[in-house]
Amino acid sequence: DIFQAVYLGTDTFEPSKVRSLDREKNKELSDKTAMAMMKKVSDQGEAVFMTIGIEGIKIRTALTEESITSCLIEDIRFTTVCGPKADLFALLVKDSIHNCYNCHTFHCAADQAGPIADTMSKAFIAFQLRSSSDPFKAAGGRLKAPEALFKRQLRRGNMKAIAAIGAGQFGQVFTATQALDADGGSMMRAVK
């Protein structure tokens, strides 16, 4: 997906300032950085195109389409929408070469920061699915099903993905084999 925004700039942090697993601290750091950047440059930033995909994000100037920066999705540590009008988008990225973190800040058109963040979220999910050896692996907590339903459920552990055959609004569809019994019997299925 491609979005248009105004690139306000980048602020750099030492690794000790960024806490990889502390969501609240990273949000606070990103929000403060984005707000400070907005005050510092006002609306004098550079118009850019943001291309977001499963590989990451690429930032190009709107005028010449020259590349400003690109970030691999596995290096992105945090994204946030902030500002009094929820019109700022900030991206916290690990820079392994310089052993630091960069917070890239963008001023977005009305109602665009949210869709940018949503697209980043979808890209993270797609990346995780692609890089996972088991696309059926549960990603979170599990609710206990009622007993009657529990007996009829297909167990994820009995499924082995063969290939992705399509995708829809609610995720990818795979051809898979389902192990039926201990004797090695199996059945082909389409699994979402």
C-alpha atoms as a PDB file:
ATOM      1  CA  ASP A   1       0.000   0.000   0.000  1.00  0.00           C
ATOM      2  CA  ILE A   2       1.195   3.522  -0.741  1.00  0.00           C
ATOM      3  CA  PHE A   3       0.461   6.552   1.436  1.00  0.00           C
ATOM      4  CA  GLN A   4       1.361  10.201   1.175  1.00  0.00           C
ATOM      5  CA  ALA A   5       2.681  12.133   4.188  1.00  0.00           C
ATOM      6  CA  VAL A   6       5.140  14.831   5.200  1.00  0.00           C
ATOM      7  CA  TYR A   7       8.432  13.484   6.537  1.00  0.00           C
ATOM      8  CA  LEU A   8       9.365  15.568   9.581  1.00  0.00           C
ATOM      9  CA  GLY A   9      12.683  13.860  10.216  1.00  0.00           C
ATOM     10  CA  THR A  10      14.496  11.369  12.415  1.00  0.00           C
ATOM     11  CA  ASP A  11      15.732  11.387  15.985  1.00  0.00           C
ATOM     12  CA  THR A  12      18.356   8.866  17.142  1.00  0.00           C
ATOM     13  CA  PHE A  13      18.507   7.056  20.493  1.00  0.00           C
ATOM     14  CA  GLU A  14      21.024   4.858  22.282  1.00  0.00           C
ATOM     15  CA  PRO A  15      19.908   1.227  22.772  1.00  0.00           C
ATOM     16  CA  SER A  16      19.650   1.769  26.552  1.00  0.00           C
ATOM     17  CA  LYS A  17      16.872   4.323  25.956  1.00  0.00           C
ATOM     18  CA  VAL A  18      14.710   1.834  24.028  1.00  0.00           C
ATOM     19  CA  ARG A  19      13.104  -1.084  25.825  1.00  0.00           C
ATOM     20  CA  SER A  20      12.260  -3.779  23.296  1.00  0.00           C
ATOM     21  CA  LEU A  21       9.544  -5.437  25.358  1.00  0.00           C
ATOM     22  CA  ASP A  22       8.086  -2.394  27.156  1.00  0.00           C
ATOM     23  CA  ARG A  23       5.217  -1.160  24.983  1.00  0.00           C
ATOM     24  CA  GLU A  24       4.238   1.776  27.223  1.00  0.00           C
ATOM     25  CA  LYS A  25       7.780   3.155  27.479  1.00  0.00           C
ATOM     26  CA  ASN A  26       8.321   2.861  23.717  1.00  0.00           C
ATOM     27  CA  LYS A  27       4.977   4.596  23.053  1.00  0.00           C
ATOM     28  CA  GLU A  28       5.909   7.391  25.440  1.00  0.00           C
ATOM     29  CA  LEU A  29       9.328   7.787  23.782  1.00  0.00           C
ATOM     30  CA  SER A  30       7.846   7.721  20.251  1.00  0.00           C
ATOM     31  CA  ASP A  31       5.019  10.130  21.132  1.00  0.00           C
ATOM     32  CA  LYS A  32       7.365  12.639  22.787  1.00  0.00           C
ATOM     33  CA  THR A  33       9.778  12.450  19.859  1.00  0.00           C
ATOM     34  CA  ALA A  34       7.013  12.930  17.289  1.00  0.00           C
ATOM     35  CA  MET A  35       5.536  15.907  19.156  1.00  0.00           C
ATOM     36  CA  ALA A  36       8.970  17.541  19.557  1.00  0.00           C
ATOM     37  CA  MET A  37       9.712  16.960  15.867  1.00  0.00           C
ATOM     38  CA  MET A  38       6.371  18.536  14.893  1.00  0.00           C
ATOM     39  CA  LYS A  39       7.119  21.652  16.976  1.00  0.00           C
ATOM     40  CA  LYS A  40      10.672  21.885  15.628  1.00  0.00           C
ATOM     41  CA  VAL A  41       9.919  21.693  11.905  1.00  0.00           C
ATOM     42  CA  SER A  42       6.279  22.803  11.843  1.00  0.00           C
ATOM     43  CA  ASP A  43       4.988  21.971   8.325  1.00  0.00           C
ATOM     44  CA  GLN A  44       8.360  22.423   6.620  1.00  0.00           C
ATOM     45  CA  GLY A  45       9.021  18.728   6.205  1.00  0.00           C
ATOM     46  CA  GLU A  46       9.327  16.950   2.890  1.00  0.00           C
ATOM     47  CA  ALA A  47       6.357  15.437   1.035  1.00  0.00           C
ATOM     48  CA  VAL A  48       6.929  11.700   0.699  1.00  0.00           C
ATOM     49  CA  PHE A  49       5.375   8.455  -0.457  1.00  0.00           C
ATOM     50  CA  MET A  50       5.396   5.633   2.083  1.00  0.00           C
ATOM     51  CA  THR A  51       5.264   2.156   0.545  1.00  0.00           C
ATOM     52  CA  ILE A  52       4.328  -0.459   3.144  1.00  0.00           C
ATOM     53  CA  GLY A  53       4.580  -4.180   2.466  1.00  0.00           C
ATOM     54  CA  ILE A  54       5.601  -7.511   3.941  1.00  0.00           C
ATOM     55  CA  GLU A  55       9.286  -6.579   3.498  1.00  0.00           C
ATOM     56  CA  GLY A  56       8.965  -3.321   5.440  1.00  0.00           C
ATOM     57  CA  ILE A  57       8.551   0.350   4.616  1.00  0.00           C
ATOM     58  CA  LYS A  58      10.200   2.462   1.913  1.00  0.00           C
ATOM     59  CA  ILE A  59      10.162   6.256   2.047  1.00  0.00           C
ATOM     60  CA  ARG A  60      10.580   8.192  -1.232  1.00  0.00           C
ATOM     61  CA  THR A  61      10.349  11.899  -1.974  1.00  0.00           C
ATOM     62  CA  ALA A  62       7.068  12.805  -3.653  1.00  0.00           C
ATOM     63  CA  LEU A  63       8.754  15.201  -6.074  1.00  0.00           C
ATOM     64  CA  THR A  64      11.613  13.073  -7.455  1.00  0.00           C
ATOM     65  CA  GLU A  65      10.734   9.651  -5.990  1.00  0.00           C
ATOM     66  CA  GLU A  66      14.312   9.471  -4.691  1.00  0.00           C
ATOM     67  CA  SER A  67      14.700   7.052  -1.798  1.00  0.00           C
ATOM     68  CA  ILE A  68      15.062   8.693   1.616  1.00  0.00           C
ATOM     69  CA  THR A  69      15.172   5.517   3.696  1.00  0.00           C
ATOM     70  CA  SER A  70      13.847   2.000   3.935  1.00  0.00           C
ATOM     71  CA  CYS A  71      13.323  -0.174   6.988  1.00  0.00           C
ATOM     72  CA  LEU A  72      13.085  -3.954   7.054  1.00  0.00           C
ATOM     73  CA  ILE A  73      10.027  -5.130   8.918  1.00  0.00           C
ATOM     74  CA  GLU A  74      12.083  -7.231  11.332  1.00  0.00           C
ATOM     75  CA  ASP A  75      13.954  -4.061  12.412  1.00  0.00           C
ATOM     76  CA  ILE A  76      10.791  -2.085  13.206  1.00  0.00           C
ATOM     77  CA  ARG A  77      10.324  -2.143  16.975  1.00  0.00           C
ATOM     78  CA  PHE A  78       7.287   0.072  17.428  1.00  0.00           C
ATOM     79  CA  THR A  79       4.785   2.244  15.542  1.00  0.00           C
ATOM     80  CA  THR A  80       2.377   4.797  16.977  1.00  0.00           C
ATOM     81  CA  VAL A  81      -0.224   7.379  16.035  1.00  0.00           C
ATOM     82  CA  CYS A  82      -0.125  10.517  18.165  1.00  0.00           C
ATOM     83  CA  GLY A  83      -0.637  14.259  18.221  1.00  0.00           C
ATOM     84  CA  PRO A  84      -3.659  16.317  19.268  1.00  0.00           C
ATOM     85  CA  LYS A  85      -5.399  15.491  15.985  1.00  0.00           C
ATOM     86  CA  ALA A  86      -3.977  11.932  15.757  1.00  0.00           C
ATOM     87  CA  ASP A  87      -2.181  13.100  12.609  1.00  0.00           C
ATOM     88  CA  LEU A  88       1.373  12.071  13.468  1.00  0.00           C
ATOM     89  CA  PHE A  89       2.791   8.638  12.685  1.00  0.00           C
ATOM     90  CA  ALA A  90       6.068   7.566  14.287  1.00  0.00           C
ATOM     91  CA  LEU A  91       8.176   4.526  13.543  1.00  0.00           C
ATOM     92  CA  LEU A  92      10.890   3.260  15.939  1.00  0.00           C
ATOM     93  CA  VAL A  93      13.517   1.265  14.003  1.00  0.00           C
ATOM     94  CA  LYS A  94      16.624  -0.635  15.102  1.00  0.00           C
ATOM     95  CA  ASP A  95      19.791   0.378  13.230  1.00  0.00           C
ATOM     96  CA  SER A  96      22.164  -2.579  13.676  1.00  0.00           C
ATOM     97  CA  ILE A  97      24.979  -0.960  11.690  1.00  0.00           C
ATOM     98  CA  HIS A  98      25.225   2.097  13.970  1.00  0.00           C
ATOM     99  CA  ASN A  99      23.993   0.301  17.120  1.00  0.00           C
ATOM    100  CA  CYS A 100      21.165   2.754  17.757  1.00  0.00           C
ATOM    101  CA  TYR A 101      17.431   3.279  17.225  1.00  0.00           C
ATOM    102  CA  ASN A 102      15.885   5.829  14.869  1.00  0.00           C
ATOM    103  CA  CYS A 103      12.458   7.359  15.373  1.00  0.00           C
ATOM    104  CA  HIS A 104      11.091   8.503  11.999  1.00  0.00           C
ATOM    105  CA  THR A 105       8.204  10.964  12.258  1.00  0.00           C
ATOM    106  CA  PHE A 106       5.536  11.795   9.669  1.00  0.00           C
ATOM    107  CA  HIS A 107       2.746  14.364   9.570  1.00  0.00           C
ATOM    108  CA  CYS A 108      -0.235  12.749   7.853  1.00  0.00           C
ATOM    109  CA  ALA A 109      -3.246  14.150   6.053  1.00  0.00           C
ATOM    110  CA  ALA A 110      -6.544  14.053   7.929  1.00  0.00           C
ATOM    111  CA  ASP A 111      -7.504  10.516   8.967  1.00  0.00           C
ATOM    112  CA  GLN A 112      -4.455   8.912   7.318  1.00  0.00           C
ATOM    113  CA  ALA A 113      -2.245   8.102  10.339  1.00  0.00           C
ATOM    114  CA  GLY A 114      -4.675   5.395  11.514  1.00  0.00           C
ATOM    115  CA  PRO A 115      -4.819   3.587   8.146  1.00  0.00           C
ATOM    116  CA  ILE A 116      -1.003   3.760   7.920  1.00  0.00           C
ATOM    117  CA  ALA A 117      -0.717   2.123  11.351  1.00  0.00           C
ATOM    118  CA  ASP A 118      -3.339  -0.496  10.384  1.00  0.00           C
ATOM    119  CA  THR A 119      -1.414  -1.325   7.204  1.00  0.00           C
ATOM    120  CA  MET A 120       1.805  -1.683   9.219  1.00  0.00           C
ATOM    121  CA  SER A 121      -0.017  -4.058  11.568  1.00  0.00           C
ATOM    122  CA  LYS A 122      -1.211  -6.185   8.636  1.00  0.00           C
ATOM    123  CA  ALA A 123       2.333  -6.221   7.231  1.00  0.00           C
ATOM    124  CA  PHE A 124       3.684  -7.463  10.596  1.00  0.00           C
ATOM    125  CA  ILE A 125       1.095 -10.251  10.674  1.00  0.00           C
ATOM    126  CA  ALA A 126       1.820 -11.260   7.071  1.00  0.00           C
ATOM    127  CA  PHE A 127       5.557 -11.283   7.810  1.00  0.00           C
ATOM    128  CA  GLN A 128       5.048 -13.480  10.874  1.00  0.00           C
ATOM    129  CA  LEU A 129       2.911 -15.912   8.902  1.00  0.00           C
ATOM    130  CA  ARG A 130       5.416 -16.067   6.070  1.00  0.00           C
ATOM    131  CA  SER A 131       8.400 -16.557   8.344  1.00  0.00           C
ATOM    132  CA  SER A 132       6.673 -19.104  10.555  1.00  0.00           C
ATOM    133  CA  SER A 133       7.334 -22.715   9.670  1.00  0.00           C
ATOM    134  CA  ASP A 134       3.846 -23.537  10.958  1.00  0.00           C
ATOM    135  CA  PRO A 135       1.154 -21.089   9.764  1.00  0.00           C
ATOM    136  CA  PHE A 136      -1.422 -22.896  11.936  1.00  0.00           C
ATOM    137  CA  LYS A 137       0.457 -22.240  15.160  1.00  0.00           C
ATOM    138  CA  ALA A 138      -1.734 -20.389  17.660  1.00  0.00           C
ATOM    139  CA  ALA A 139      -0.674 -16.801  18.263  1.00  0.00           C
ATOM    140  CA  GLY A 140      -2.117 -15.950  21.634  1.00  0.00           C
ATOM    141  CA  GLY A 141      -4.329 -17.203  24.386  1.00  0.00           C
ATOM    142  CA  ARG A 142      -6.906 -19.885  23.919  1.00  0.00           C
ATOM    143  CA  LEU A 143     -10.488 -20.069  25.148  1.00  0.00           C
ATOM    144  CA  LYS A 144     -11.859 -23.434  26.184  1.00  0.00           C
ATOM    145  CA  ALA A 145     -14.585 -24.565  23.811  1.00  0.00           C
ATOM    146  CA  PRO A 146     -17.831 -26.119  25.080  1.00  0.00           C
ATOM    147  CA  GLU A 147     -17.469 -29.907  25.448  1.00  0.00           C
ATOM    148  CA  ALA A 148     -19.745 -30.746  22.478  1.00  0.00           C
ATOM    149  CA  LEU A 149     -17.733 -28.441  20.198  1.00  0.00           C
ATOM    150  CA  PHE A 150     -14.379 -29.537  21.648  1.00  0.00           C
ATOM    151  CA  LYS A 151     -14.977 -33.120  20.447  1.00  0.00           C
ATOM    152  CA  ARG A 152     -15.570 -31.875  16.874  1.00  0.00           C
ATOM    153  CA  GLN A 153     -12.671 -29.440  16.630  1.00  0.00           C
ATOM    154  CA  LEU A 154      -9.839 -30.086  14.219  1.00  0.00           C
ATOM    155  CA  ARG A 155      -6.550 -29.938  16.120  1.00  0.00           C
ATOM    156  CA  ARG A 156      -3.893 -27.561  14.765  1.00  0.00           C
ATOM    157  CA  GLY A 157      -1.240 -30.092  15.710  1.00  0.00           C
ATOM    158  CA  ASN A 158      -2.777 -32.578  13.262  1.00  0.00           C
ATOM    159  CA  MET A 159      -2.464 -30.145  10.330  1.00  0.00           C
ATOM    160  CA  LYS A 160       0.587 -29.790   8.105  1.00  0.00           C
ATOM    161  CA  ALA A 161       0.596 -26.893   5.633  1.00  0.00           C
ATOM    162  CA  ILE A 162       1.598 -27.755   2.070  1.00  0.00           C
ATOM    163  CA  ALA A 163       1.160 -24.471   0.202  1.00  0.00           C
ATOM    164  CA  ALA A 164      -0.703 -21.169   0.331  1.00  0.00           C
ATOM    165  CA  ILE A 165      -3.470 -21.275  -2.291  1.00  0.00           C
ATOM    166  CA  GLY A 166      -5.070 -17.886  -1.755  1.00  0.00           C
ATOM    167  CA  ALA A 167      -5.990 -15.127   0.634  1.00  0.00           C
ATOM    168  CA  GLY A 168      -9.067 -13.192   1.531  1.00  0.00           C
ATOM    169  CA  GLN A 169     -10.207 -10.526   3.911  1.00  0.00           C
ATOM    170  CA  PHE A 170      -9.759 -12.840   6.887  1.00  0.00           C
ATOM    171  CA  GLY A 171      -6.378 -14.396   6.098  1.00  0.00           C
ATOM    172  CA  GLN A 172      -4.514 -16.880   3.942  1.00  0.00           C
ATOM    173  CA  VAL A 173      -5.882 -20.243   2.812  1.00  0.00           C
ATOM    174  CA  PHE A 174      -3.555 -23.251   2.675  1.00  0.00           C
ATOM    175  CA  THR A 175      -3.787 -26.749   1.306  1.00  0.00           C
ATOM    176  CA  ALA A 176      -2.914 -29.016   4.178  1.00  0.00           C
ATOM    177  CA  THR A 177      -2.914 -32.629   5.221  1.00  0.00           C
ATOM    178  CA  GLN A 178      -4.764 -33.620   8.346  1.00  0.00           C
ATOM    179  CA  ALA A 179      -3.494 -36.627  10.267  1.00  0.00           C
ATOM    180  CA  LEU A 180      -6.555 -38.777  11.003  1.00  0.00           C
ATOM    181  CA  ASP A 181      -5.174 -41.547  13.176  1.00  0.00           C
ATOM    182  CA  ALA A 182      -2.019 -43.099  14.551  1.00  0.00           C
ATOM    183  CA  ASP A 183      -1.869 -45.532  11.579  1.00  0.00           C
ATOM    184  CA  GLY A 184      -0.738 -42.717   9.260  1.00  0.00           C
ATOM    185  CA  GLY A 185      -4.075 -42.044   7.561  1.00  0.00           C
ATOM    186  CA  SER A 186      -4.522 -38.477   6.338  1.00  0.00           C
ATOM    187  CA  MET A 187      -6.912 -36.250   4.413  1.00  0.00           C
ATOM    188  CA  MET A 188      -6.308 -33.196   2.194  1.00  0.00           C
ATOM    189  CA  ARG A 189      -8.015 -30.012   3.419  1.00  0.00           C
ATOM    190  CA  ALA A 190      -8.223 -26.321   2.635  1.00  0.00           C
ATOM    191  CA  VAL A 191      -7.437 -24.500   5.883  1.00  0.00           C
ATOM    192  CA  LYS A 192      -7.726 -20.842   6.834  1.00  0.00           C
END
